[in-house]
N, C-alpha and C. Protein backbone atom coordinates (compact mmCIF):
# COMPACT_ATOMS: atom_id res chain seq x y z
N MET A 1 -16.61 12.52 -15.35
CA MET A 1 -15.37 13.25 -15.21
C MET A 1 -15.10 13.99 -16.52
N THR A 2 -14.77 15.26 -16.42
CA THR A 2 -14.55 16.06 -17.61
C THR A 2 -13.20 15.73 -18.25
N VAL A 3 -13.05 16.17 -19.48
CA VAL A 3 -11.82 15.93 -20.21
C VAL A 3 -10.64 16.63 -19.54
N LEU A 4 -10.87 17.85 -19.03
CA LEU A 4 -9.78 18.57 -18.38
C LEU A 4 -9.30 17.86 -17.12
N LYS A 5 -10.23 17.29 -16.35
CA LYS A 5 -9.83 16.55 -15.15
C LYS A 5 -9.02 15.32 -15.52
N ARG A 6 -9.44 14.65 -16.58
CA ARG A 6 -8.69 13.47 -17.01
C ARG A 6 -7.30 13.83 -17.51
N LEU A 7 -7.20 14.93 -18.24
CA LEU A 7 -5.88 15.39 -18.70
C LEU A 7 -5.01 15.79 -17.52
N TYR A 8 -5.61 16.46 -16.53
CA TYR A 8 -4.87 16.83 -15.32
C TYR A 8 -4.34 15.59 -14.61
N LEU A 9 -5.20 14.58 -14.44
CA LEU A 9 -4.78 13.35 -13.78
C LEU A 9 -3.67 12.65 -14.56
N LEU A 10 -3.79 12.62 -15.87
CA LEU A 10 -2.77 12.00 -16.70
C LEU A 10 -1.44 12.75 -16.58
N ALA A 11 -1.49 14.06 -16.73
CA ALA A 11 -0.27 14.86 -16.67
C ALA A 11 0.39 14.78 -15.28
N SER A 12 -0.41 14.90 -14.23
CA SER A 12 0.18 14.85 -12.89
C SER A 12 0.71 13.45 -12.60
N GLY A 13 0.04 12.42 -13.09
CA GLY A 13 0.55 11.05 -12.90
C GLY A 13 1.88 10.84 -13.60
N ILE A 14 2.01 11.36 -14.81
CA ILE A 14 3.27 11.24 -15.55
C ILE A 14 4.37 12.00 -14.84
N VAL A 15 4.08 13.21 -14.35
CA VAL A 15 5.09 14.01 -13.63
C VAL A 15 5.54 13.29 -12.36
N ILE A 16 4.60 12.76 -11.60
CA ILE A 16 4.94 12.10 -10.34
C ILE A 16 5.71 10.80 -10.61
N LEU A 17 5.30 10.01 -11.57
CA LEU A 17 6.01 8.78 -11.90
C LEU A 17 7.43 9.09 -12.39
N SER A 18 7.56 10.09 -13.24
CA SER A 18 8.90 10.49 -13.72
C SER A 18 9.76 10.95 -12.56
N PHE A 19 9.18 11.71 -11.65
CA PHE A 19 9.91 12.19 -10.47
C PHE A 19 10.41 11.02 -9.63
N VAL A 20 9.56 10.03 -9.41
CA VAL A 20 9.97 8.89 -8.58
C VAL A 20 11.13 8.14 -9.24
N VAL A 21 11.05 7.90 -10.54
CA VAL A 21 12.11 7.19 -11.25
C VAL A 21 13.41 7.99 -11.21
N ILE A 22 13.35 9.27 -11.50
CA ILE A 22 14.55 10.12 -11.50
C ILE A 22 15.12 10.24 -10.09
N HIS A 23 14.26 10.41 -9.11
CA HIS A 23 14.72 10.53 -7.72
C HIS A 23 15.43 9.25 -7.26
N LEU A 24 14.85 8.11 -7.57
CA LEU A 24 15.51 6.85 -7.20
C LEU A 24 16.83 6.68 -7.93
N ARG A 25 16.89 7.11 -9.17
CA ARG A 25 18.15 7.02 -9.92
C ARG A 25 19.22 7.93 -9.32
N HIS A 26 18.83 9.12 -8.89
CA HIS A 26 19.79 10.06 -8.31
C HIS A 26 20.28 9.63 -6.94
N PHE A 27 19.38 9.15 -6.09
CA PHE A 27 19.73 8.98 -4.69
C PHE A 27 19.78 7.53 -4.21
N HIS A 28 19.21 6.59 -4.91
CA HIS A 28 19.19 5.23 -4.38
C HIS A 28 19.97 4.24 -5.24
N PHE A 29 19.72 4.21 -6.52
CA PHE A 29 20.35 3.23 -7.40
C PHE A 29 21.55 3.79 -8.13
N ASN A 30 22.32 4.61 -7.48
CA ASN A 30 23.47 5.25 -8.10
C ASN A 30 24.73 4.59 -7.56
N GLU A 31 25.08 3.41 -8.08
CA GLU A 31 26.23 2.67 -7.59
C GLU A 31 27.56 3.30 -7.99
N ASN A 32 27.59 4.07 -9.06
CA ASN A 32 28.82 4.68 -9.52
C ASN A 32 29.12 6.00 -8.83
N ASN A 33 28.35 6.36 -7.85
CA ASN A 33 28.54 7.63 -7.17
C ASN A 33 29.81 7.58 -6.32
N PRO A 34 30.79 8.47 -6.57
CA PRO A 34 32.03 8.45 -5.80
C PRO A 34 31.84 8.90 -4.35
N LEU A 35 30.68 9.41 -4.01
CA LEU A 35 30.45 9.87 -2.65
C LEU A 35 30.01 8.75 -1.71
N THR A 36 29.85 7.54 -2.24
CA THR A 36 29.45 6.40 -1.42
C THR A 36 30.70 5.79 -0.80
N ASN A 37 30.70 5.74 0.54
CA ASN A 37 31.84 5.17 1.25
C ASN A 37 31.39 3.90 1.96
N GLY A 38 31.88 2.75 1.52
CA GLY A 38 31.52 1.50 2.18
C GLY A 38 32.61 1.08 3.14
N VAL A 39 32.21 0.49 4.26
CA VAL A 39 33.16 -0.06 5.21
C VAL A 39 33.65 -1.39 4.65
N GLU A 40 34.92 -1.73 4.89
CA GLU A 40 35.56 -2.87 4.26
C GLU A 40 34.87 -4.20 4.55
N ASP A 41 34.30 -4.39 5.73
CA ASP A 41 33.71 -5.69 6.06
C ASP A 41 32.36 -5.92 5.41
N GLY A 42 31.79 -4.92 4.80
CA GLY A 42 30.55 -5.05 4.08
C GLY A 42 29.32 -5.06 4.97
N LEU A 43 29.49 -4.99 6.27
CA LEU A 43 28.35 -5.00 7.17
C LEU A 43 27.67 -3.64 7.25
N GLN A 44 28.44 -2.60 7.11
CA GLN A 44 27.90 -1.26 7.20
C GLN A 44 28.37 -0.45 6.01
N SER A 45 27.57 0.47 5.63
CA SER A 45 28.00 1.43 4.63
C SER A 45 27.31 2.74 4.94
N SER A 46 27.99 3.81 4.66
CA SER A 46 27.40 5.12 4.90
C SER A 46 27.47 5.92 3.61
N VAL A 47 26.46 6.70 3.40
CA VAL A 47 26.39 7.52 2.20
C VAL A 47 26.31 8.96 2.64
N ASP A 48 27.09 9.80 2.01
CA ASP A 48 27.08 11.22 2.30
C ASP A 48 25.98 11.88 1.47
N PHE A 49 24.75 11.85 2.01
CA PHE A 49 23.62 12.38 1.26
C PHE A 49 23.70 13.89 1.08
N TYR A 50 24.33 14.57 2.01
CA TYR A 50 24.48 16.03 1.88
C TYR A 50 25.29 16.36 0.63
N SER A 51 26.43 15.72 0.46
CA SER A 51 27.25 15.98 -0.73
C SER A 51 26.56 15.52 -2.00
N MET A 52 25.85 14.39 -1.89
CA MET A 52 25.10 13.90 -3.04
C MET A 52 24.02 14.90 -3.43
N MET A 53 23.34 15.47 -2.44
CA MET A 53 22.29 16.45 -2.70
C MET A 53 22.88 17.70 -3.38
N LEU A 54 24.04 18.14 -2.89
CA LEU A 54 24.68 19.31 -3.50
C LEU A 54 25.06 19.02 -4.95
N GLU A 55 25.53 17.80 -5.20
CA GLU A 55 25.92 17.43 -6.55
C GLU A 55 24.70 17.39 -7.49
N VAL A 56 23.61 16.81 -7.02
CA VAL A 56 22.41 16.68 -7.85
C VAL A 56 21.80 18.05 -8.14
N PHE A 57 21.72 18.90 -7.11
CA PHE A 57 21.05 20.18 -7.27
C PHE A 57 21.96 21.29 -7.78
N ALA A 58 23.18 20.94 -8.18
CA ALA A 58 24.06 21.93 -8.78
C ALA A 58 23.56 22.34 -10.17
N ASP A 59 22.86 21.44 -10.81
CA ASP A 59 22.31 21.73 -12.13
C ASP A 59 20.98 22.48 -11.98
N ASP A 60 20.86 23.62 -12.66
CA ASP A 60 19.67 24.46 -12.54
C ASP A 60 18.40 23.74 -12.98
N LEU A 61 18.45 23.04 -14.12
CA LEU A 61 17.26 22.35 -14.61
C LEU A 61 16.83 21.21 -13.69
N THR A 62 17.79 20.51 -13.12
CA THR A 62 17.45 19.44 -12.19
C THR A 62 16.77 20.00 -10.95
N ALA A 63 17.31 21.08 -10.41
CA ALA A 63 16.71 21.69 -9.22
C ALA A 63 15.31 22.20 -9.53
N LEU A 64 15.14 22.85 -10.66
CA LEU A 64 13.81 23.34 -11.06
C LEU A 64 12.85 22.18 -11.28
N GLY A 65 13.33 21.12 -11.90
CA GLY A 65 12.49 19.95 -12.12
C GLY A 65 12.03 19.32 -10.81
N TYR A 66 12.94 19.27 -9.84
CA TYR A 66 12.58 18.73 -8.53
C TYR A 66 11.52 19.61 -7.86
N VAL A 67 11.66 20.92 -7.95
CA VAL A 67 10.68 21.81 -7.33
C VAL A 67 9.31 21.61 -7.98
N VAL A 68 9.26 21.54 -9.29
CA VAL A 68 7.99 21.34 -9.99
C VAL A 68 7.38 19.99 -9.59
N ALA A 69 8.20 18.95 -9.55
CA ALA A 69 7.70 17.62 -9.21
C ALA A 69 7.22 17.57 -7.76
N ILE A 70 7.94 18.20 -6.86
CA ILE A 70 7.53 18.20 -5.45
C ILE A 70 6.24 18.99 -5.28
N LEU A 71 6.09 20.07 -6.02
CA LEU A 71 4.81 20.80 -5.99
C LEU A 71 3.67 19.91 -6.49
N ALA A 72 3.93 19.13 -7.54
CA ALA A 72 2.90 18.21 -8.05
C ALA A 72 2.54 17.16 -7.01
N VAL A 73 3.55 16.61 -6.35
CA VAL A 73 3.30 15.62 -5.29
C VAL A 73 2.54 16.28 -4.13
N GLY A 74 2.93 17.52 -3.79
CA GLY A 74 2.25 18.23 -2.70
C GLY A 74 0.79 18.49 -3.00
N VAL A 75 0.49 18.91 -4.22
CA VAL A 75 -0.91 19.13 -4.61
C VAL A 75 -1.67 17.81 -4.58
N HIS A 76 -1.01 16.75 -5.04
CA HIS A 76 -1.63 15.43 -5.03
C HIS A 76 -1.96 15.00 -3.59
N LEU A 77 -1.01 15.18 -2.68
CA LEU A 77 -1.25 14.82 -1.28
C LEU A 77 -2.34 15.69 -0.66
N PHE A 78 -2.29 16.98 -0.92
CA PHE A 78 -3.25 17.92 -0.34
C PHE A 78 -4.68 17.57 -0.77
N LYS A 79 -4.86 17.40 -2.09
CA LYS A 79 -6.20 17.09 -2.60
C LYS A 79 -6.61 15.67 -2.23
N GLY A 80 -5.66 14.76 -2.33
CA GLY A 80 -5.96 13.36 -2.06
C GLY A 80 -6.35 13.11 -0.61
N TRP A 81 -5.69 13.81 0.32
CA TRP A 81 -6.03 13.63 1.73
C TRP A 81 -7.46 14.10 2.01
N GLY A 82 -7.82 15.23 1.44
CA GLY A 82 -9.18 15.73 1.63
C GLY A 82 -10.22 14.75 1.11
N LYS A 83 -9.94 14.15 -0.05
CA LYS A 83 -10.88 13.17 -0.61
C LYS A 83 -10.90 11.88 0.21
N ALA A 84 -9.73 11.45 0.68
CA ALA A 84 -9.65 10.22 1.47
C ALA A 84 -10.41 10.37 2.78
N VAL A 85 -10.26 11.51 3.43
CA VAL A 85 -10.97 11.74 4.70
C VAL A 85 -12.48 11.75 4.46
N HIS A 86 -12.89 12.34 3.37
CA HIS A 86 -14.32 12.37 3.05
C HIS A 86 -14.86 10.95 2.86
N LYS A 87 -14.04 10.09 2.23
CA LYS A 87 -14.48 8.72 2.00
C LYS A 87 -14.44 7.86 3.26
N MET A 88 -13.77 8.34 4.31
CA MET A 88 -13.72 7.59 5.58
C MET A 88 -15.04 7.68 6.34
N ASN A 89 -15.93 8.54 5.89
CA ASN A 89 -17.27 8.68 6.48
C ASN A 89 -17.24 9.04 7.96
N PHE A 90 -16.39 9.98 8.34
CA PHE A 90 -16.36 10.44 9.72
C PHE A 90 -17.72 11.00 10.15
N ASP A 91 -18.37 11.69 9.23
CA ASP A 91 -19.65 12.29 9.59
C ASP A 91 -20.74 11.23 9.81
N LYS A 92 -20.72 10.17 9.05
CA LYS A 92 -21.76 9.14 9.19
C LYS A 92 -21.50 8.23 10.38
N GLU A 93 -20.22 7.89 10.63
CA GLU A 93 -19.90 6.97 11.72
C GLU A 93 -20.08 7.60 13.09
N HIS A 94 -19.85 8.88 13.21
CA HIS A 94 -19.90 9.54 14.51
C HIS A 94 -21.13 10.43 14.68
N GLY A 95 -22.02 10.41 13.73
CA GLY A 95 -23.27 11.13 13.87
C GLY A 95 -23.20 12.61 13.56
N SER A 96 -22.01 13.15 13.37
CA SER A 96 -21.90 14.56 13.01
C SER A 96 -20.58 14.75 12.25
N ALA A 97 -20.44 15.93 11.73
CA ALA A 97 -19.23 16.23 10.96
C ALA A 97 -18.16 16.89 11.82
N ARG A 98 -18.23 16.74 13.13
CA ARG A 98 -17.27 17.45 13.98
C ARG A 98 -15.85 16.93 13.82
N PHE A 99 -15.66 15.68 13.40
CA PHE A 99 -14.31 15.14 13.21
C PHE A 99 -13.81 15.34 11.78
N LEU A 100 -14.73 15.52 10.87
CA LEU A 100 -14.39 15.59 9.45
C LEU A 100 -13.45 16.76 9.16
N HIS A 101 -13.82 17.94 9.55
CA HIS A 101 -13.01 19.13 9.24
C HIS A 101 -11.64 19.12 9.93
N PRO A 102 -11.55 18.83 11.24
CA PRO A 102 -10.22 18.84 11.87
C PRO A 102 -9.26 17.80 11.29
N VAL A 103 -9.74 16.61 11.00
CA VAL A 103 -8.87 15.57 10.45
C VAL A 103 -8.42 15.94 9.05
N ARG A 104 -9.34 16.47 8.24
CA ARG A 104 -8.98 16.91 6.89
C ARG A 104 -7.96 18.04 6.95
N THR A 105 -8.19 19.00 7.83
CA THR A 105 -7.29 20.15 7.95
C THR A 105 -5.90 19.73 8.43
N LEU A 106 -5.84 18.85 9.41
CA LEU A 106 -4.55 18.38 9.94
C LEU A 106 -3.74 17.68 8.85
N GLY A 107 -4.38 16.81 8.09
CA GLY A 107 -3.69 16.12 7.00
C GLY A 107 -3.22 17.06 5.91
N GLN A 108 -4.03 18.04 5.59
CA GLN A 108 -3.64 18.99 4.56
C GLN A 108 -2.49 19.88 5.03
N TRP A 109 -2.48 20.24 6.31
CA TRP A 109 -1.36 20.99 6.86
C TRP A 109 -0.08 20.15 6.80
N CYS A 110 -0.19 18.88 7.13
CA CYS A 110 0.99 17.99 7.05
C CYS A 110 1.51 17.90 5.62
N ALA A 111 0.60 17.75 4.66
CA ALA A 111 1.01 17.68 3.26
C ALA A 111 1.70 18.97 2.84
N ALA A 112 1.16 20.11 3.26
CA ALA A 112 1.77 21.40 2.92
C ALA A 112 3.15 21.55 3.58
N LEU A 113 3.27 21.14 4.83
CA LEU A 113 4.56 21.26 5.53
C LEU A 113 5.63 20.35 4.91
N VAL A 114 5.25 19.15 4.53
CA VAL A 114 6.20 18.24 3.87
C VAL A 114 6.65 18.83 2.54
N THR A 115 5.72 19.38 1.78
CA THR A 115 6.05 19.99 0.50
C THR A 115 7.00 21.16 0.68
N VAL A 116 6.67 22.05 1.60
CA VAL A 116 7.53 23.21 1.87
C VAL A 116 8.89 22.77 2.38
N GLY A 117 8.92 21.72 3.21
CA GLY A 117 10.19 21.22 3.75
C GLY A 117 11.11 20.70 2.67
N PHE A 118 10.57 19.93 1.74
CA PHE A 118 11.41 19.41 0.65
C PHE A 118 11.88 20.53 -0.26
N ILE A 119 11.03 21.49 -0.54
CA ILE A 119 11.46 22.61 -1.37
C ILE A 119 12.51 23.44 -0.64
N ALA A 120 12.39 23.56 0.68
CA ALA A 120 13.40 24.27 1.47
C ALA A 120 14.75 23.56 1.40
N CYS A 121 14.75 22.24 1.36
CA CYS A 121 16.01 21.50 1.21
C CYS A 121 16.69 21.83 -0.11
N ILE A 122 15.90 21.90 -1.17
CA ILE A 122 16.47 22.24 -2.48
C ILE A 122 17.00 23.67 -2.47
N CYS A 123 16.22 24.59 -1.91
CA CYS A 123 16.66 25.99 -1.84
C CYS A 123 17.91 26.12 -0.97
N GLY A 124 17.97 25.35 0.11
CA GLY A 124 19.15 25.37 0.98
C GLY A 124 20.38 24.86 0.26
N ALA A 125 20.22 23.80 -0.51
CA ALA A 125 21.35 23.27 -1.28
C ALA A 125 21.82 24.28 -2.32
N ARG A 126 20.87 24.92 -2.97
CA ARG A 126 21.25 25.95 -3.96
C ARG A 126 21.96 27.12 -3.29
N TYR A 127 21.51 27.49 -2.08
CA TYR A 127 22.16 28.59 -1.35
C TYR A 127 23.59 28.21 -0.96
N VAL A 128 23.79 26.99 -0.50
CA VAL A 128 25.14 26.54 -0.14
C VAL A 128 26.04 26.57 -1.38
N LEU A 129 25.53 26.10 -2.49
CA LEU A 129 26.30 26.12 -3.73
C LEU A 129 26.63 27.54 -4.15
N TRP A 130 25.68 28.44 -3.98
CA TRP A 130 25.91 29.85 -4.31
C TRP A 130 26.99 30.44 -3.40
N GLN A 131 26.94 30.11 -2.11
CA GLN A 131 27.95 30.60 -1.16
C GLN A 131 29.32 30.05 -1.51
N GLN A 132 29.40 28.79 -1.91
CA GLN A 132 30.68 28.20 -2.29
C GLN A 132 31.26 28.88 -3.52
N ARG A 133 30.41 29.27 -4.45
CA ARG A 133 30.91 29.99 -5.64
C ARG A 133 31.37 31.39 -5.28
N GLU A 134 30.73 32.03 -4.31
CA GLU A 134 31.12 33.38 -3.89
C GLU A 134 32.49 33.37 -3.21
N VAL A 135 32.80 32.30 -2.50
CA VAL A 135 34.08 32.21 -1.78
C VAL A 135 35.23 32.04 -2.77
N ARG A 136 35.00 31.34 -3.84
CA ARG A 136 36.08 31.09 -4.82
C ARG A 136 36.44 32.28 -5.58
């Protein structure tokens, strides 16, 4: 493995790990969030994730950081799925490579769609925030 590949793996691993920690802090382990509404009996609680998302993505650097991190995760999924399918030995188990390409392609399309979907959520939140500022 070349030095550049190792540096790429290290950098992308740090970006993805940082993203997971920051994402969990923003959306899961945020007990002080005033947008969390708990029912009095403690059996149910509901969280207004839409408002929480608008609050988190109101900051330009946070939104940009999320887009960069989601792109890193998307590239990781896209490349990783192709390598995982290759290691599944579809061509050796079934006597030909007829399953290898479709399964690899389907997984890579799913990875791309998930990546685009999450980035669309961020862009949508930014658009809503922009519309709210225009109304004021």
